C-alpha cells in the first residue's frame, strides 16, 4: 500500500471515530441527561446522574467534532509535507506516533482508576449522590476506553506503514 493511502486511512479513521463514534454517543448522553433532568423526579440521584451524563455527553460532542476538524485540517498538511520532504515527515510522524502510543498506557490507567472510583462510590457510599455520580463516571470511562482502543489500533497500523516506508525512501 502506498504511504499516501496509509496517511489518508489514518486521518479518515480519526474523522470517523469523531463523527460516528464520539459525536453520536455524546448526543445520546446529552439527550438522556436532558430528559432525566427535565422529566425525572426531583431528587439527589437525578440531579447528580443527569448533570454528570450531560457533562460526559458534552465532552463526547466536543471531542467528536474536534477529532473531525483536526483530521480534516491535518490530512492535507501531512500529505503536502510528505510530498515535499518524505524523510523528514516520516521521522517527525514516527516520533509523534510513538509518543501517542507511549501515552496510551497512562490513559488506560486513568480510565481504570475512574472505573474503580465509580465502583467504590456505587458500593460503599450507598447515597443517592454517590450512585448518581458513579454512573456518569462509568459512562465516561467506558466511552473513553473504547475510543482509545480504536485509536491505538489505527495508530499501530499507521506506525507499521511508517516503518515500512522509511527504508524505501532515498534521502532528498
N, C-alpha and C. Protein backbone atom coordinates (compact mmCIF):
# COMPACT_ATOMS: atom_id res chain seq x y z
N UNK A 1 0.86 -1.17 0.00
CA UNK A 1 0.00 0.00 0.00
C UNK A 1 0.90 1.23 0.00
N UNK A 2 0.62 2.18 -0.89
CA UNK A 2 1.41 3.41 -0.90
C UNK A 2 1.21 4.17 0.43
N UNK A 3 2.26 4.88 0.83
CA UNK A 3 2.18 5.56 2.13
C UNK A 3 1.12 6.66 2.14
N UNK A 4 0.86 7.28 1.01
CA UNK A 4 -0.20 8.30 0.94
C UNK A 4 -1.55 7.69 1.34
N UNK A 5 -1.78 6.45 0.96
CA UNK A 5 -3.01 5.75 1.34
C UNK A 5 -3.05 5.51 2.84
N UNK A 6 -1.91 5.19 3.42
CA UNK A 6 -1.85 4.99 4.88
C UNK A 6 -2.16 6.29 5.61
N UNK A 7 -1.66 7.41 5.09
CA UNK A 7 -1.95 8.71 5.69
C UNK A 7 -3.45 8.99 5.64
N UNK A 8 -4.04 8.77 4.47
CA UNK A 8 -5.48 9.02 4.32
C UNK A 8 -6.30 8.10 5.20
N UNK A 9 -5.89 6.84 5.30
CA UNK A 9 -6.61 5.89 6.15
C UNK A 9 -6.54 6.31 7.61
N UNK A 10 -5.37 6.74 8.05
CA UNK A 10 -5.19 7.16 9.44
C UNK A 10 -6.10 8.34 9.78
N UNK A 11 -6.04 9.38 8.98
CA UNK A 11 -6.82 10.57 9.29
C UNK A 11 -8.32 10.39 9.00
N UNK A 12 -8.67 9.55 8.04
CA UNK A 12 -10.09 9.24 7.83
C UNK A 12 -10.63 8.46 9.02
N UNK A 13 -9.82 7.56 9.57
CA UNK A 13 -10.22 6.83 10.77
C UNK A 13 -10.43 7.77 11.94
N UNK A 14 -9.56 8.77 12.08
CA UNK A 14 -9.71 9.75 13.15
C UNK A 14 -11.01 10.52 12.98
N UNK A 15 -11.28 10.96 11.75
CA UNK A 15 -12.51 11.69 11.49
C UNK A 15 -13.73 10.82 11.78
N UNK A 16 -13.69 9.57 11.35
CA UNK A 16 -14.82 8.66 11.56
C UNK A 16 -15.04 8.36 13.04
N UNK A 17 -13.96 8.22 13.80
CA UNK A 17 -14.10 8.00 15.25
C UNK A 17 -14.81 9.17 15.90
N UNK A 18 -14.49 10.37 15.42
CA UNK A 18 -15.14 11.55 15.97
C UNK A 18 -16.59 11.66 15.55
N UNK A 19 -16.83 11.56 14.22
CA UNK A 19 -18.18 11.78 13.70
C UNK A 19 -19.14 10.63 13.94
N UNK A 20 -18.63 9.40 13.90
CA UNK A 20 -19.52 8.25 14.00
C UNK A 20 -19.37 7.49 15.32
N UNK A 21 -18.46 7.94 16.18
CA UNK A 21 -18.27 7.31 17.47
C UNK A 21 -18.60 8.25 18.61
N UNK A 22 -17.73 9.23 18.81
CA UNK A 22 -17.89 10.13 19.95
C UNK A 22 -19.10 11.06 19.82
N UNK A 23 -19.30 11.64 18.66
CA UNK A 23 -20.41 12.58 18.49
C UNK A 23 -21.77 11.95 18.76
N UNK A 24 -22.11 10.81 18.16
CA UNK A 24 -23.42 10.21 18.46
C UNK A 24 -23.57 9.78 19.91
N UNK A 25 -22.51 9.21 20.49
CA UNK A 25 -22.58 8.81 21.89
C UNK A 25 -22.82 10.03 22.77
N UNK A 26 -22.10 11.11 22.47
CA UNK A 26 -22.29 12.35 23.23
C UNK A 26 -23.69 12.90 23.09
N UNK A 27 -24.24 12.86 21.88
CA UNK A 27 -25.60 13.36 21.68
C UNK A 27 -26.64 12.51 22.41
N UNK A 28 -26.44 11.20 22.41
CA UNK A 28 -27.36 10.32 23.14
C UNK A 28 -27.30 10.60 24.64
N UNK A 29 -26.08 10.74 25.16
CA UNK A 29 -25.94 11.03 26.59
C UNK A 29 -26.53 12.40 26.94
N UNK A 30 -26.32 13.39 26.07
CA UNK A 30 -26.93 14.71 26.31
C UNK A 30 -28.45 14.63 26.28
N UNK A 31 -28.99 13.88 25.34
CA UNK A 31 -30.44 13.72 25.26
C UNK A 31 -30.99 13.02 26.50
N UNK A 32 -30.32 11.95 26.90
CA UNK A 32 -30.76 11.24 28.09
C UNK A 32 -30.67 12.12 29.33
N UNK A 33 -29.60 12.90 29.45
CA UNK A 33 -29.45 13.80 30.59
C UNK A 33 -30.54 14.86 30.60
N UNK A 34 -30.86 15.38 29.43
CA UNK A 34 -31.92 16.40 29.34
C UNK A 34 -33.26 15.82 29.76
N UNK A 35 -33.58 14.64 29.24
CA UNK A 35 -34.84 14.00 29.64
C UNK A 35 -34.87 13.71 31.13
N UNK A 36 -33.77 13.23 31.65
CA UNK A 36 -33.68 12.89 33.07
C UNK A 36 -33.87 14.14 33.94
N UNK A 37 -33.21 15.23 33.56
CA UNK A 37 -33.30 16.44 34.38
C UNK A 37 -34.64 17.16 34.22
N UNK A 38 -35.23 17.10 33.04
CA UNK A 38 -36.48 17.82 32.82
C UNK A 38 -37.71 17.00 33.21
N UNK A 39 -37.67 15.70 32.99
CA UNK A 39 -38.84 14.86 33.22
C UNK A 39 -38.71 13.91 34.41
N UNK A 40 -37.50 13.77 34.94
CA UNK A 40 -37.28 12.82 36.03
C UNK A 40 -37.71 13.41 37.37
N UNK A 41 -37.67 12.58 38.39
CA UNK A 41 -38.02 13.06 39.72
C UNK A 41 -36.99 14.08 40.20
N UNK A 42 -37.41 14.95 41.06
CA UNK A 42 -36.52 16.00 41.59
C UNK A 42 -35.85 15.48 42.87
N UNK A 43 -34.82 14.67 42.69
CA UNK A 43 -34.10 14.16 43.85
C UNK A 43 -32.59 14.24 43.59
N UNK A 44 -31.82 13.87 44.59
CA UNK A 44 -30.37 13.99 44.51
C UNK A 44 -29.78 13.08 43.44
N UNK A 45 -30.28 11.86 43.34
CA UNK A 45 -29.78 10.92 42.34
C UNK A 45 -29.96 11.49 40.93
N UNK A 46 -31.15 11.99 40.64
CA UNK A 46 -31.44 12.52 39.31
C UNK A 46 -30.55 13.72 39.00
N UNK A 47 -30.37 14.58 39.97
CA UNK A 47 -29.53 15.76 39.77
C UNK A 47 -28.09 15.38 39.45
N UNK A 48 -27.51 14.48 40.25
CA UNK A 48 -26.12 14.08 40.04
C UNK A 48 -25.94 13.27 38.76
N UNK A 49 -26.81 12.32 38.52
CA UNK A 49 -26.64 11.50 37.32
C UNK A 49 -26.95 12.30 36.05
N UNK A 50 -28.00 13.10 36.09
CA UNK A 50 -28.33 13.90 34.92
C UNK A 50 -27.25 14.92 34.59
N UNK A 51 -26.74 15.60 35.62
CA UNK A 51 -25.67 16.58 35.40
C UNK A 51 -24.40 15.89 34.90
N UNK A 52 -24.06 14.77 35.53
CA UNK A 52 -22.86 14.05 35.11
C UNK A 52 -22.95 13.51 33.70
N UNK A 53 -24.10 12.94 33.35
CA UNK A 53 -24.27 12.43 31.99
C UNK A 53 -24.26 13.57 30.97
N UNK A 54 -24.80 14.73 31.37
CA UNK A 54 -24.76 15.89 30.49
C UNK A 54 -23.33 16.35 30.24
N UNK A 55 -22.51 16.37 31.28
CA UNK A 55 -21.11 16.76 31.12
C UNK A 55 -20.36 15.76 30.26
N UNK A 56 -20.57 14.48 30.51
CA UNK A 56 -19.91 13.44 29.70
C UNK A 56 -20.39 13.52 28.25
N UNK A 57 -21.67 13.77 28.04
CA UNK A 57 -22.19 13.92 26.69
C UNK A 57 -21.59 15.12 25.98
N UNK A 58 -21.45 16.22 26.70
CA UNK A 58 -20.83 17.41 26.13
C UNK A 58 -19.37 17.15 25.77
N UNK A 59 -18.66 16.43 26.63
CA UNK A 59 -17.28 16.06 26.32
C UNK A 59 -17.24 15.23 25.04
N UNK A 60 -18.16 14.27 24.90
CA UNK A 60 -18.21 13.45 23.69
C UNK A 60 -18.48 14.26 22.43
N UNK A 61 -19.41 15.20 22.52
CA UNK A 61 -19.74 16.04 21.36
C UNK A 61 -18.55 16.91 20.97
N UNK A 62 -17.96 17.58 21.95
CA UNK A 62 -16.83 18.47 21.67
C UNK A 62 -15.63 17.67 21.14
N UNK A 63 -15.34 16.53 21.76
CA UNK A 63 -14.21 15.71 21.29
C UNK A 63 -14.48 15.15 19.90
N UNK A 64 -15.70 14.72 19.63
CA UNK A 64 -16.03 14.18 18.32
C UNK A 64 -15.87 15.21 17.22
N UNK A 65 -16.38 16.40 17.46
CA UNK A 65 -16.24 17.48 16.47
C UNK A 65 -14.77 17.88 16.36
N UNK A 66 -14.07 17.92 17.50
CA UNK A 66 -12.65 18.28 17.48
C UNK A 66 -11.82 17.28 16.69
N UNK A 67 -12.09 15.99 16.87
CA UNK A 67 -11.39 14.96 16.09
C UNK A 67 -11.61 15.17 14.60
N UNK A 68 -12.86 15.41 14.23
CA UNK A 68 -13.19 15.57 12.81
C UNK A 68 -12.50 16.80 12.22
N UNK A 69 -12.52 17.91 12.94
CA UNK A 69 -11.89 19.13 12.45
C UNK A 69 -10.38 18.95 12.37
N UNK A 70 -9.79 18.37 13.41
CA UNK A 70 -8.34 18.16 13.43
C UNK A 70 -7.91 17.27 12.26
N UNK A 71 -8.64 16.19 12.04
CA UNK A 71 -8.28 15.27 10.96
C UNK A 71 -8.41 15.97 9.61
N UNK A 72 -9.48 16.75 9.44
CA UNK A 72 -9.67 17.45 8.17
C UNK A 72 -8.59 18.48 7.90
N UNK A 73 -8.11 19.14 8.95
CA UNK A 73 -7.06 20.15 8.78
C UNK A 73 -5.68 19.52 8.63
N UNK A 74 -5.44 18.43 9.32
CA UNK A 74 -4.11 17.84 9.36
C UNK A 74 -3.82 16.96 8.14
N UNK A 75 -4.82 16.39 7.50
CA UNK A 75 -4.59 15.50 6.36
C UNK A 75 -3.89 16.20 5.19
N UNK A 76 -4.40 17.31 4.67
CA UNK A 76 -3.71 17.94 3.54
C UNK A 76 -2.30 18.43 3.91
N UNK A 77 -2.17 18.88 5.14
CA UNK A 77 -0.87 19.34 5.64
C UNK A 77 0.13 18.19 5.64
N UNK A 78 -0.29 17.03 6.11
CA UNK A 78 0.60 15.87 6.18
C UNK A 78 0.94 15.35 4.79
N UNK A 79 -0.05 15.32 3.89
CA UNK A 79 0.21 14.87 2.52
C UNK A 79 1.19 15.80 1.80
N UNK A 80 1.02 17.10 1.97
CA UNK A 80 1.93 18.04 1.30
C UNK A 80 3.33 17.96 1.92
N UNK A 81 3.40 17.76 3.21
CA UNK A 81 4.70 17.60 3.87
C UNK A 81 5.41 16.34 3.38
N UNK A 82 4.65 15.28 3.18
CA UNK A 82 5.24 14.03 2.68
C UNK A 82 5.72 14.21 1.24
N UNK A 83 4.96 14.93 0.44
CA UNK A 83 5.36 15.15 -0.95
C UNK A 83 6.62 16.02 -1.04
N UNK A 84 6.75 16.99 -0.14
CA UNK A 84 7.88 17.91 -0.19
C UNK A 84 9.15 17.30 0.41
N UNK A 85 9.04 16.71 1.59
CA UNK A 85 10.21 16.17 2.30
C UNK A 85 9.83 14.86 2.97
N UNK A 86 9.82 13.76 2.22
CA UNK A 86 9.35 12.49 2.78
C UNK A 86 10.16 12.00 3.98
N UNK A 87 11.46 12.11 3.93
CA UNK A 87 12.28 11.59 5.04
C UNK A 87 12.03 12.35 6.33
N UNK A 88 11.98 13.68 6.25
CA UNK A 88 11.73 14.49 7.43
C UNK A 88 10.33 14.25 7.98
N UNK A 89 9.37 14.15 7.08
CA UNK A 89 7.98 13.93 7.51
C UNK A 89 7.84 12.58 8.19
N UNK A 90 8.46 11.54 7.63
CA UNK A 90 8.37 10.21 8.23
C UNK A 90 9.03 10.18 9.60
N UNK A 91 10.14 10.89 9.73
CA UNK A 91 10.81 10.93 11.03
C UNK A 91 9.95 11.65 12.07
N UNK A 92 9.38 12.79 11.71
CA UNK A 92 8.54 13.53 12.67
C UNK A 92 7.25 12.78 12.97
N UNK A 93 6.66 12.13 11.97
CA UNK A 93 5.45 11.34 12.21
C UNK A 93 5.75 10.13 13.09
N UNK A 94 6.90 9.50 12.89
CA UNK A 94 7.27 8.35 13.72
C UNK A 94 7.41 8.78 15.18
N UNK A 95 8.03 9.93 15.42
CA UNK A 95 8.16 10.43 16.79
C UNK A 95 6.79 10.75 17.39
N UNK A 96 5.93 11.39 16.60
CA UNK A 96 4.59 11.75 17.09
C UNK A 96 3.77 10.50 17.42
N UNK A 97 3.79 9.52 16.54
CA UNK A 97 3.03 8.29 16.74
C UNK A 97 3.57 7.51 17.94
N UNK A 98 4.89 7.45 18.09
CA UNK A 98 5.47 6.77 19.25
C UNK A 98 5.04 7.43 20.55
N UNK A 99 4.98 8.76 20.57
CA UNK A 99 4.56 9.44 21.79
C UNK A 99 3.08 9.18 22.08
N UNK A 100 2.27 9.07 21.04
CA UNK A 100 0.84 8.74 21.23
C UNK A 100 0.71 7.36 21.86
N UNK A 101 1.44 6.40 21.32
CA UNK A 101 1.35 5.03 21.83
C UNK A 101 1.93 4.90 23.24
N UNK A 102 2.99 5.65 23.54
CA UNK A 102 3.53 5.62 24.91
C UNK A 102 2.54 6.21 25.90
N UNK A 103 1.82 7.24 25.50
CA UNK A 103 0.86 7.88 26.39
C UNK A 103 -0.40 7.08 26.63
N UNK A 104 -0.68 6.12 25.77
CA UNK A 104 -1.94 5.39 25.91
C UNK A 104 -2.00 4.57 27.20
N UNK A 105 -0.88 4.10 27.70
CA UNK A 105 -0.90 3.33 28.94
C UNK A 105 -1.32 4.20 30.12
N UNK A 106 -0.91 5.44 30.11
CA UNK A 106 -1.34 6.37 31.15
C UNK A 106 -2.84 6.62 31.09
N UNK A 107 -3.37 6.74 29.87
CA UNK A 107 -4.81 6.92 29.72
C UNK A 107 -5.57 5.71 30.22
N UNK A 108 -5.09 4.52 29.87
CA UNK A 108 -5.76 3.31 30.34
C UNK A 108 -5.76 3.23 31.86
N UNK A 109 -4.65 3.61 32.48
CA UNK A 109 -4.58 3.62 33.94
C UNK A 109 -5.57 4.63 34.52
N UNK A 110 -5.70 5.78 33.87
CA UNK A 110 -6.64 6.80 34.32
C UNK A 110 -8.08 6.31 34.22
N UNK A 111 -8.42 5.68 33.09
CA UNK A 111 -9.79 5.18 32.92
C UNK A 111 -10.08 4.05 33.91
N UNK A 112 -9.10 3.20 34.16
CA UNK A 112 -9.27 2.15 35.16
C UNK A 112 -9.47 2.72 36.55
N UNK A 113 -8.73 3.78 36.87
CA UNK A 113 -8.89 4.44 38.17
C UNK A 113 -10.28 5.05 38.29
N UNK A 114 -10.75 5.68 37.22
CA UNK A 114 -12.12 6.23 37.24
C UNK A 114 -13.16 5.14 37.46
N UNK A 115 -12.97 4.00 36.82
CA UNK A 115 -13.92 2.91 36.96
C UNK A 115 -13.90 2.36 38.39
N UNK A 116 -12.71 2.20 38.96
CA UNK A 116 -12.60 1.74 40.35
C UNK A 116 -13.25 2.74 41.29
N UNK A 117 -13.00 4.04 41.07
CA UNK A 117 -13.62 5.08 41.90
C UNK A 117 -15.14 5.02 41.78
N UNK A 118 -15.64 4.78 40.59
CA UNK A 118 -17.09 4.68 40.39
C UNK A 118 -17.66 3.49 41.16
N UNK A 119 -16.96 2.35 41.10
CA UNK A 119 -17.45 1.18 41.84
C UNK A 119 -17.39 1.41 43.35
N UNK A 120 -16.35 2.10 43.81
CA UNK A 120 -16.27 2.42 45.24
C UNK A 120 -17.45 3.31 45.64
N UNK A 121 -17.72 4.34 44.84
CA UNK A 121 -18.87 5.20 45.12
C UNK A 121 -20.18 4.42 45.09
N UNK A 122 -20.28 3.52 44.13
CA UNK A 122 -21.51 2.77 43.94
C UNK A 122 -21.79 1.80 45.09
N UNK A 123 -20.74 1.11 45.57
CA UNK A 123 -20.98 0.04 46.52
C UNK A 123 -20.61 0.37 47.97
N UNK A 124 -19.91 1.47 48.22
CA UNK A 124 -19.55 1.76 49.61
C UNK A 124 -20.33 2.93 50.19
N UNK A 125 -20.49 4.00 49.45
CA UNK A 125 -21.16 5.18 50.00
C UNK A 125 -22.67 4.95 50.13
N UNK A 126 -23.27 4.33 49.15
CA UNK A 126 -24.70 4.00 49.15
C UNK A 126 -25.60 5.20 49.45
N UNK A 127 -25.25 6.31 48.87
CA UNK A 127 -26.07 7.52 48.95
C UNK A 127 -26.56 7.83 47.55
N UNK A 128 -27.64 8.58 47.47
CA UNK A 128 -28.18 8.93 46.15
C UNK A 128 -27.16 9.69 45.31
N UNK A 129 -26.45 10.64 45.92
CA UNK A 129 -25.50 11.43 45.16
C UNK A 129 -24.34 10.57 44.67
N UNK A 130 -23.89 9.59 45.48
CA UNK A 130 -22.75 8.77 45.07
C UNK A 130 -23.12 7.84 43.92
N UNK A 131 -24.32 7.31 43.97
CA UNK A 131 -24.77 6.45 42.87
C UNK A 131 -24.98 7.29 41.62
N UNK A 132 -25.54 8.49 41.79
CA UNK A 132 -25.74 9.39 40.66
C UNK A 132 -24.43 9.86 40.04
N UNK A 133 -23.37 9.97 40.83
CA UNK A 133 -22.06 10.35 40.31
C UNK A 133 -21.33 9.16 39.71
N UNK A 134 -21.54 7.96 40.26
CA UNK A 134 -20.85 6.76 39.78
C UNK A 134 -21.25 6.40 38.35
N UNK A 135 -22.52 6.55 38.03
CA UNK A 135 -22.98 6.17 36.69
C UNK A 135 -22.33 7.01 35.57
N UNK A 136 -22.28 8.34 35.69
CA UNK A 136 -21.57 9.10 34.65
C UNK A 136 -20.07 8.81 34.61
N UNK A 137 -19.46 8.55 35.76
CA UNK A 137 -18.04 8.18 35.75
C UNK A 137 -17.82 6.90 34.98
N UNK A 138 -18.69 5.92 35.19
CA UNK A 138 -18.60 4.66 34.44
C UNK A 138 -18.81 4.89 32.95
N UNK A 139 -19.79 5.72 32.62
CA UNK A 139 -20.07 6.01 31.21
C UNK A 139 -18.86 6.67 30.55
N UNK A 140 -18.26 7.64 31.24
CA UNK A 140 -17.09 8.32 30.67
C UNK A 140 -15.93 7.35 30.51
N UNK A 141 -15.64 6.58 31.54
CA UNK A 141 -14.50 5.65 31.48
C UNK A 141 -14.70 4.62 30.37
N UNK A 142 -15.91 4.10 30.25
CA UNK A 142 -16.18 3.10 29.20
C UNK A 142 -16.08 3.71 27.81
N UNK A 143 -16.66 4.91 27.62
CA UNK A 143 -16.61 5.57 26.32
C UNK A 143 -15.16 5.88 25.94
N UNK A 144 -14.41 6.45 26.86
CA UNK A 144 -13.03 6.83 26.56
C UNK A 144 -12.15 5.60 26.33
N UNK A 145 -12.35 4.56 27.11
CA UNK A 145 -11.56 3.34 26.94
C UNK A 145 -11.82 2.72 25.57
N UNK A 146 -13.07 2.63 25.17
CA UNK A 146 -13.40 2.06 23.86
C UNK A 146 -12.81 2.90 22.73
N UNK A 147 -12.90 4.22 22.84
CA UNK A 147 -12.36 5.07 21.78
C UNK A 147 -10.84 4.94 21.71
N UNK A 148 -10.19 4.82 22.87
CA UNK A 148 -8.73 4.69 22.86
C UNK A 148 -8.28 3.35 22.28
N UNK A 149 -9.07 2.33 22.41
CA UNK A 149 -8.73 1.06 21.76
C UNK A 149 -8.73 1.24 20.24
N UNK A 150 -9.75 1.91 19.71
CA UNK A 150 -9.78 2.19 18.27
C UNK A 150 -8.61 3.08 17.85
N UNK A 151 -8.30 4.07 18.68
CA UNK A 151 -7.18 4.96 18.37
C UNK A 151 -5.87 4.18 18.35
N UNK A 152 -5.67 3.32 19.32
CA UNK A 152 -4.43 2.53 19.36
C UNK A 152 -4.32 1.60 18.16
N UNK A 153 -5.41 0.96 17.78
CA UNK A 153 -5.36 0.06 16.62
C UNK A 153 -5.02 0.83 15.35
N UNK A 154 -5.64 1.99 15.17
CA UNK A 154 -5.38 2.82 14.00
C UNK A 154 -3.94 3.33 14.03
N UNK A 155 -3.46 3.71 15.19
CA UNK A 155 -2.11 4.25 15.33
C UNK A 155 -1.05 3.18 15.10
N UNK A 156 -1.28 1.97 15.57
CA UNK A 156 -0.32 0.89 15.35
C UNK A 156 -0.20 0.58 13.85
N UNK A 157 -1.32 0.55 13.15
CA UNK A 157 -1.28 0.31 11.70
C UNK A 157 -0.51 1.43 10.98
N UNK A 158 -0.71 2.66 11.42
CA UNK A 158 0.00 3.80 10.83
C UNK A 158 1.49 3.72 11.15
N UNK A 159 1.81 3.32 12.37
CA UNK A 159 3.21 3.17 12.76
C UNK A 159 3.90 2.11 11.89
N UNK A 160 3.21 1.01 11.61
CA UNK A 160 3.77 -0.03 10.75
C UNK A 160 3.97 0.48 9.32
N UNK A 161 3.04 1.30 8.84
CA UNK A 161 3.19 1.88 7.50
C UNK A 161 4.37 2.84 7.45
N UNK A 162 4.58 3.60 8.51
CA UNK A 162 5.74 4.50 8.57
C UNK A 162 7.03 3.69 8.55
N UNK A 163 7.09 2.63 9.34
CA UNK A 163 8.29 1.79 9.39
C UNK A 163 8.56 1.15 8.04
N UNK A 164 7.50 0.74 7.35
CA UNK A 164 7.69 0.12 6.03
C UNK A 164 8.13 1.13 4.98
N UNK A 165 7.70 2.38 5.12
CA UNK A 165 8.03 3.40 4.11
C UNK A 165 9.40 3.99 4.32
N UNK A 166 9.93 4.00 5.53
CA UNK A 166 11.21 4.65 5.81
C UNK A 166 12.39 4.07 5.02
N UNK A 167 12.58 2.74 4.99
CA UNK A 167 13.75 2.26 4.26
C UNK A 167 13.60 2.40 2.73
N UNK A 168 12.39 2.56 2.25
CA UNK A 168 12.17 2.61 0.80
C UNK A 168 12.47 3.98 0.22
N UNK A 169 12.72 4.98 1.06
CA UNK A 169 12.89 6.34 0.56
C UNK A 169 14.37 6.69 0.37
N UNK A 170 14.67 7.31 -0.76
CA UNK A 170 16.03 7.87 -0.89
C UNK A 170 16.05 9.19 -0.13
N UNK A 171 17.22 9.58 0.34
CA UNK A 171 17.36 10.88 1.00
C UNK A 171 17.27 12.00 -0.02
N UNK A 172 16.60 13.07 0.38
CA UNK A 172 16.49 14.24 -0.51
C UNK A 172 17.32 15.36 0.06
